[in-house]
Amino acid sequence: MLLLVLGLILFLGSHSVRIFAEGWRAGMISRLGAQRWKGAYSLVSIVGLVLVIWGFAQTRHGSPQMWAPPLWAKHLNLLLTLASMILLAAANPKPSHYKAIFHHPMTWGVVLWSGGHLMSNGTQADAVLFGSFFVWSILDLIASYARDRRERIVYAAPLMRATITSTIAGAAVWALLVFWLHLWLFGVAPLAR
């Protein structure tokens, strides 16, 4: 569990700088330069992500069961992850209807992905991993919407082509995960539950 927690601290901590320390972040970018800041940020994020994956792989098999998820939660999670993959795909720079509606589709995608997995998995390791991502994504949305209001951000008019592309790309990634990659990467077949 220690590696998982350390990884979450590094990964989500680095992604929380804009939430909790935007002034410090701006100062560091000014002092280091944008490229060096991005390099350091990326390095910490990658190390954190590797530790999250490694720590979760070590922890999940022996992790105590905290609750027994109902069968409907597992089915609902399939729908939530489909929506989350589409929203993640909509985070590209082209203005889609998803971006026009949600403004921060990637973060909403993380909310749905983590919330669905938290609801449909009941071990302590699941609660730590998915609960951490869920709380982080909610906090990030609150901070992002406040920043949008403060900076009076105006989002571009959506393009149907970008919406269709995001939908197809997200659905394709979801299908790859559900029918093949999830089992290969994580040892769990989502449809076999």
Protein backbone atom coordinates (compact mmCIF):
# COMPACT_ATOMS: atom_id res chain seq x y z
CA MET A 1 0.00 0.00 0.00
CA LEU A 2 2.95 2.34 0.68
CA LEU A 3 3.99 2.45 -3.00
CA LEU A 4 0.41 3.14 -4.08
CA VAL A 5 0.02 6.00 -1.60
CA LEU A 6 3.43 7.46 -2.47
CA GLY A 7 2.56 7.28 -6.18
CA LEU A 8 -0.79 8.99 -5.58
CA ILE A 9 0.92 11.75 -3.59
CA LEU A 10 3.41 12.37 -6.40
CA PHE A 11 0.97 12.04 -9.31
CA LEU A 12 -2.06 13.80 -7.87
CA GLY A 13 0.14 16.21 -5.91
CA SER A 14 1.84 17.41 -9.08
CA HIS A 15 -1.57 17.73 -10.74
CA SER A 16 -2.89 19.72 -7.75
CA VAL A 17 -0.43 22.60 -7.93
CA ARG A 18 -2.89 24.71 -9.96
CA ILE A 19 -5.63 23.90 -7.45
CA PHE A 20 -3.78 24.83 -4.27
CA ALA A 21 -0.70 26.85 -5.26
CA GLU A 22 -1.28 28.67 -8.52
CA GLY A 23 0.83 31.64 -7.42
CA TRP A 24 3.75 29.37 -6.50
CA ARG A 25 3.38 27.59 -9.86
CA ALA A 26 3.51 30.89 -11.75
CA GLY A 27 6.60 31.91 -9.78
CA MET A 28 8.34 28.62 -10.53
CA ILE A 29 7.54 28.89 -14.24
CA SER A 30 8.92 32.43 -14.22
CA ARG A 31 12.07 31.34 -12.40
CA LEU A 32 12.72 28.05 -14.24
CA GLY A 33 11.19 28.82 -17.60
CA ALA A 34 8.23 27.00 -19.12
CA GLN A 35 10.26 24.16 -20.65
CA ARG A 36 12.16 23.28 -17.46
CA TRP A 37 8.95 23.50 -15.42
CA LYS A 38 7.18 21.15 -17.85
CA GLY A 39 10.14 18.78 -17.73
CA ALA A 40 10.19 18.65 -13.91
CA TYR A 41 6.38 18.38 -13.78
CA SER A 42 6.41 15.55 -16.33
CA LEU A 43 9.16 13.67 -14.50
CA VAL A 44 7.34 13.81 -11.16
CA SER A 45 4.06 12.81 -12.86
CA ILE A 46 5.63 9.84 -14.66
CA VAL A 47 7.36 8.58 -11.51
CA GLY A 48 4.10 8.98 -9.61
CA LEU A 49 2.10 7.13 -12.27
CA VAL A 50 4.60 4.24 -12.35
CA LEU A 51 4.40 3.98 -8.55
CA VAL A 52 0.57 4.07 -8.66
CA ILE A 53 0.47 1.22 -11.18
CA TRP A 54 3.14 -0.81 -9.41
CA GLY A 55 1.68 -0.17 -5.96
CA PHE A 56 -1.85 -1.04 -7.03
CA ALA A 57 -0.67 -4.24 -8.74
CA GLN A 58 1.06 -5.30 -5.51
CA THR A 59 -1.78 -4.28 -3.21
CA ARG A 60 -4.99 -5.24 -4.97
CA HIS A 61 -4.78 -9.04 -4.67
CA GLY A 62 -4.39 -9.12 -0.89
CA SER A 63 -6.51 -6.08 -0.19
CA PRO A 64 -9.37 -6.57 2.28
CA GLN A 65 -12.93 -6.37 0.97
CA MET A 66 -14.68 -3.30 2.40
CA TRP A 67 -18.07 -3.70 0.69
CA ALA A 68 -19.78 -5.99 -1.80
CA PRO A 69 -20.73 -3.97 -4.88
CA PRO A 70 -24.15 -4.80 -6.34
CA LEU A 71 -24.26 -6.31 -9.82
CA TRP A 72 -25.94 -3.20 -11.25
CA ALA A 73 -22.90 -1.11 -10.22
CA LYS A 74 -20.66 -3.18 -12.46
CA HIS A 75 -23.02 -2.68 -15.42
CA LEU A 76 -23.36 1.03 -14.70
CA ASN A 77 -19.57 1.30 -14.57
CA LEU A 78 -19.38 0.06 -18.16
CA LEU A 79 -21.61 2.95 -19.26
CA LEU A 80 -19.74 5.48 -17.12
CA THR A 81 -16.39 4.39 -18.52
CA LEU A 82 -17.75 4.69 -22.07
CA ALA A 83 -18.77 8.28 -21.32
CA SER A 84 -15.44 8.93 -19.60
CA MET A 85 -13.42 7.72 -22.60
CA ILE A 86 -15.45 9.97 -24.91
CA LEU A 87 -14.88 12.94 -22.60
CA LEU A 88 -11.16 12.16 -22.37
CA ALA A 89 -11.00 12.11 -26.17
CA ALA A 90 -12.83 15.46 -26.23
CA ALA A 91 -9.98 17.10 -24.32
CA ASN A 92 -8.13 17.66 -27.61
CA PRO A 93 -7.70 21.30 -28.71
CA LYS A 94 -10.56 21.26 -31.25
CA PRO A 95 -13.84 22.68 -29.86
CA SER A 96 -16.44 19.94 -29.57
CA HIS A 97 -19.93 20.05 -28.12
CA TYR A 98 -18.52 18.21 -25.09
CA LYS A 99 -16.05 21.04 -24.49
CA ALA A 100 -18.78 23.65 -25.01
CA ILE A 101 -21.01 21.95 -22.42
CA PHE A 102 -18.51 20.74 -19.82
CA HIS A 103 -15.57 23.13 -20.50
CA HIS A 104 -13.23 20.61 -18.83
CA PRO A 105 -14.12 17.27 -20.45
CA MET A 106 -10.93 15.48 -19.37
CA THR A 107 -11.57 16.19 -15.70
CA TRP A 108 -15.22 15.16 -16.06
CA GLY A 109 -13.93 11.97 -17.68
CA VAL A 110 -11.80 11.30 -14.60
CA VAL A 111 -14.84 11.94 -12.35
CA LEU A 112 -16.88 9.32 -14.25
CA TRP A 113 -14.01 6.82 -14.54
CA SER A 114 -13.03 6.99 -10.87
CA GLY A 115 -16.60 7.23 -9.58
CA GLY A 116 -17.70 4.23 -11.62
CA HIS A 117 -14.74 2.14 -10.52
CA LEU A 118 -15.15 3.23 -6.89
CA MET A 119 -18.81 2.20 -6.96
CA SER A 120 -18.20 -1.17 -8.64
CA ASN A 121 -15.10 -2.34 -6.72
CA GLY A 122 -15.08 -2.88 -3.00
CA THR A 123 -11.54 -3.49 -1.78
CA GLN A 124 -9.42 -1.17 0.32
CA ALA A 125 -6.95 -0.74 -2.56
CA ASP A 126 -9.83 0.24 -4.87
CA ALA A 127 -11.10 2.75 -2.31
CA VAL A 128 -7.64 4.34 -1.99
CA LEU A 129 -6.92 4.45 -5.75
CA PHE A 130 -10.30 5.41 -7.18
CA GLY A 131 -11.35 7.46 -4.16
CA SER A 132 -8.20 9.58 -4.46
CA PHE A 133 -8.79 10.22 -8.16
CA PHE A 134 -12.46 10.99 -7.52
CA VAL A 135 -11.74 13.55 -4.79
CA TRP A 136 -8.92 15.11 -6.83
CA SER A 137 -11.11 15.45 -9.94
CA ILE A 138 -13.94 17.12 -8.00
CA LEU A 139 -11.48 19.59 -6.44
CA ASP A 140 -9.92 20.23 -9.85
CA LEU A 141 -13.34 20.95 -11.39
CA ILE A 142 -14.17 23.44 -8.63
CA ALA A 143 -10.82 25.21 -9.10
CA SER A 144 -11.08 25.15 -12.90
CA TYR A 145 -14.58 26.62 -13.02
CA ALA A 146 -13.54 29.32 -10.52
CA ARG A 147 -10.51 30.15 -12.69
CA ASP A 148 -12.74 30.29 -15.80
CA ARG A 149 -15.04 32.79 -14.08
CA ARG A 150 -12.13 34.84 -12.73
CA GLU A 151 -10.42 34.99 -16.12
CA ARG A 152 -13.71 35.33 -18.03
CA ILE A 153 -12.86 32.42 -20.31
CA VAL A 154 -15.02 32.21 -23.44
CA TYR A 155 -15.09 28.82 -25.13
CA ALA A 156 -15.15 28.56 -28.91
CA ALA A 157 -18.28 27.52 -30.76
CA PRO A 158 -18.38 23.73 -31.12
CA LEU A 159 -17.63 21.94 -34.36
CA MET A 160 -19.73 18.89 -35.21
CA ARG A 161 -16.70 17.20 -36.76
CA ALA A 162 -14.76 17.50 -33.47
CA THR A 163 -17.74 16.08 -31.57
CA ILE A 164 -18.06 13.10 -33.92
CA THR A 165 -14.30 12.46 -33.86
CA SER A 166 -14.22 12.56 -30.04
CA THR A 167 -17.20 10.22 -29.82
CA ILE A 168 -15.73 7.68 -32.23
CA ALA A 169 -12.22 7.84 -30.73
CA GLY A 170 -13.51 7.51 -27.16
CA ALA A 171 -15.84 4.63 -28.04
CA ALA A 172 -12.99 2.84 -29.88
CA VAL A 173 -10.65 3.15 -26.88
CA TRP A 174 -13.46 1.97 -24.58
CA ALA A 175 -14.08 -1.09 -26.79
CA LEU A 176 -10.36 -1.93 -26.85
CA LEU A 177 -10.22 -1.68 -23.06
CA VAL A 178 -13.39 -3.64 -22.38
CA PHE A 179 -12.82 -6.44 -24.88
CA TRP A 180 -9.05 -6.84 -24.64
CA LEU A 181 -6.70 -4.35 -22.98
CA HIS A 182 -8.25 -4.24 -19.49
CA LEU A 183 -7.69 -7.98 -19.04
CA TRP A 184 -4.20 -7.81 -20.51
CA LEU A 185 -3.12 -4.74 -18.52
CA PHE A 186 -4.94 -5.27 -15.22
CA GLY A 187 -5.90 -8.93 -15.13
CA VAL A 188 -9.64 -8.20 -14.97
CA ALA A 189 -12.13 -8.80 -17.80
CA PRO A 190 -14.89 -6.17 -17.33
CA LEU A 191 -17.54 -8.27 -19.08
CA ALA A 192 -16.74 -11.44 -17.14
CA ARG A 193 -17.80 -10.07 -13.79
